[in-house]
Amino acid sequence: MLDIVENCDAIAVYIDGMDYARFAADRKTIDASERCLQRITEAVIKIGKDRMAAIAPSIPADAVRGLGNMLRHHYDALDLRIIFATMTDSLPVLRAACLAALKDLP
C-alpha cells in the first residue's frame, strides 16, 4: 500500500497546478504520470481484489486492473481526459484509503 501512496504523491506533484489542457500539452508529465499509474495498478493487483474492496470500496479493483491493461497494451487508445480525471478525482480517494489502512496495521 505504501507503493500506492508514494505513486499518488508523485503524480500529485507532477500535475500540481495543471488543468487538463496544460497536462495534455506536457508529454513528460503524461509519461511520468502514466508510469506511476502503472505502478499503482500493479500494487492493487498484488494486494488483491478482496483486500482492496475492504481498503477502498469506492475504487473497484477490476477497474484499476483494466486501467493497467490499457496503460500496458492499449496505450495508443488512451483518453487523456479519463487519465487526468482519474488522477485528480480517484487517486486522492485511493491514497486516503491506503493511508488509513496503513495506520491500522500492527
Protein backbone atom coordinates (compact mmCIF):
# COMPACT_ATOMS: atom_id res chain seq x y z
CA MET A 1 0.00 0.00 0.00
CA LEU A 2 2.92 2.29 0.57
CA ASP A 3 3.72 1.97 -3.15
CA ILE A 4 0.26 3.28 -3.93
CA VAL A 5 0.62 6.25 -1.58
CA GLU A 6 4.08 7.13 -2.89
CA ASN A 7 3.00 7.00 -6.53
CA CYS A 8 -0.16 9.01 -5.81
CA ASP A 9 2.07 11.60 -4.16
CA ALA A 10 4.42 11.68 -7.15
CA ILE A 11 1.52 12.21 -9.54
CA ALA A 12 0.14 14.98 -7.33
CA VAL A 13 3.50 16.77 -7.57
CA TYR A 14 3.70 16.25 -11.34
CA ILE A 15 0.25 17.68 -12.06
CA ASP A 16 0.16 20.32 -9.34
CA GLY A 17 -1.42 23.50 -10.69
CA MET A 18 -2.25 21.95 -14.07
CA ASP A 19 -5.58 21.96 -15.78
CA TYR A 20 -6.36 19.38 -18.44
CA ALA A 21 -5.10 21.50 -21.35
CA ARG A 22 -1.73 22.09 -19.74
CA PHE A 23 -1.44 18.42 -18.80
CA ALA A 24 -2.31 17.27 -22.33
CA ALA A 25 0.38 19.54 -23.79
CA ASP A 26 3.14 18.24 -21.50
CA ARG A 27 4.49 14.93 -22.80
CA LYS A 28 6.95 14.47 -19.92
CA THR A 29 4.23 14.86 -17.33
CA ILE A 30 1.97 12.48 -19.22
CA ASP A 31 4.72 9.87 -19.43
CA ALA A 32 5.77 10.22 -15.79
CA SER A 33 2.18 10.14 -14.55
CA GLU A 34 1.29 7.11 -16.65
CA ARG A 35 4.30 5.23 -15.26
CA CYS A 36 3.16 5.99 -11.72
CA LEU A 37 -0.35 4.84 -12.65
CA GLN A 38 1.14 1.57 -13.90
CA ARG A 39 2.87 1.06 -10.56
CA ILE A 40 -0.38 1.80 -8.73
CA THR A 41 -2.28 -0.74 -10.84
CA GLU A 42 0.38 -3.38 -10.19
CA ALA A 43 0.27 -2.71 -6.45
CA VAL A 44 -3.53 -3.03 -6.43
CA ILE A 45 -3.29 -6.34 -8.29
CA LYS A 46 -0.71 -7.64 -5.79
CA ILE A 47 -2.89 -6.62 -2.84
CA GLY A 48 -5.83 -8.48 -4.36
CA LYS A 49 -9.40 -7.72 -5.23
CA ASP A 50 -10.94 -8.73 -1.88
CA ARG A 51 -8.43 -6.85 0.26
CA MET A 52 -8.73 -3.76 -1.96
CA ALA A 53 -12.51 -3.91 -1.65
CA ALA A 54 -12.07 -3.72 2.11
CA ILE A 55 -9.49 -0.93 1.91
CA ALA A 56 -11.09 1.25 -0.78
CA PRO A 57 -14.64 0.08 -1.52
CA SER A 58 -15.37 3.04 -3.81
CA ILE A 59 -12.42 2.15 -6.10
CA PRO A 60 -13.24 -1.08 -7.97
CA ALA A 61 -10.13 -3.27 -8.22
CA ASP A 62 -11.32 -4.59 -11.59
CA ALA A 63 -11.39 -1.05 -12.97
CA VAL A 64 -7.87 -0.46 -11.69
CA ARG A 65 -6.71 -3.69 -13.31
CA GLY A 66 -8.41 -2.61 -16.55
CA LEU A 67 -6.59 0.72 -16.43
CA GLY A 68 -3.31 -1.14 -16.03
CA ASN A 69 -4.09 -3.26 -19.06
CA MET A 70 -4.90 -0.15 -21.06
CA LEU A 71 -1.66 1.53 -19.99
CA ARG A 72 0.40 -1.52 -20.93
CA HIS A 73 -1.33 -2.85 -24.01
CA HIS A 74 -3.58 -0.17 -25.48
CA TYR A 75 -1.63 2.98 -24.67
CA ASP A 76 -2.36 4.32 -28.15
CA ALA A 77 -6.09 4.32 -27.41
CA LEU A 78 -5.96 6.08 -24.03
CA ASP A 79 -8.23 9.03 -23.48
CA LEU A 80 -6.10 11.61 -21.68
CA ARG A 81 -9.22 13.23 -20.25
CA ILE A 82 -10.03 10.00 -18.42
CA ILE A 83 -6.43 9.65 -17.24
CA PHE A 84 -6.43 13.22 -15.93
CA ALA A 85 -9.81 12.78 -14.24
CA THR A 86 -8.61 9.56 -12.64
CA MET A 87 -5.55 11.31 -11.28
CA THR A 88 -7.45 14.30 -9.94
CA ASP A 89 -10.63 12.58 -8.72
CA SER A 90 -9.92 8.94 -7.88
CA LEU A 91 -6.30 8.91 -6.74
CA PRO A 92 -6.85 11.18 -3.71
CA VAL A 93 -9.59 8.79 -2.54
CA LEU A 94 -7.37 5.75 -3.09
CA ARG A 95 -4.43 7.43 -1.36
CA ALA A 96 -6.51 8.35 1.70
CA ALA A 97 -7.90 4.80 1.95
CA CYS A 98 -4.43 3.29 1.74
CA LEU A 99 -3.07 5.68 4.36
CA ALA A 100 -5.90 4.75 6.71
CA ALA A 101 -5.26 1.05 6.13
CA LEU A 102 -1.54 1.50 6.76
CA LYS A 103 -2.31 3.18 10.10
CA ASP A 104 -4.40 0.17 11.09
CA LEU A 105 -1.53 -2.27 10.52
CA PRO A 106 0.13 -3.61 13.65
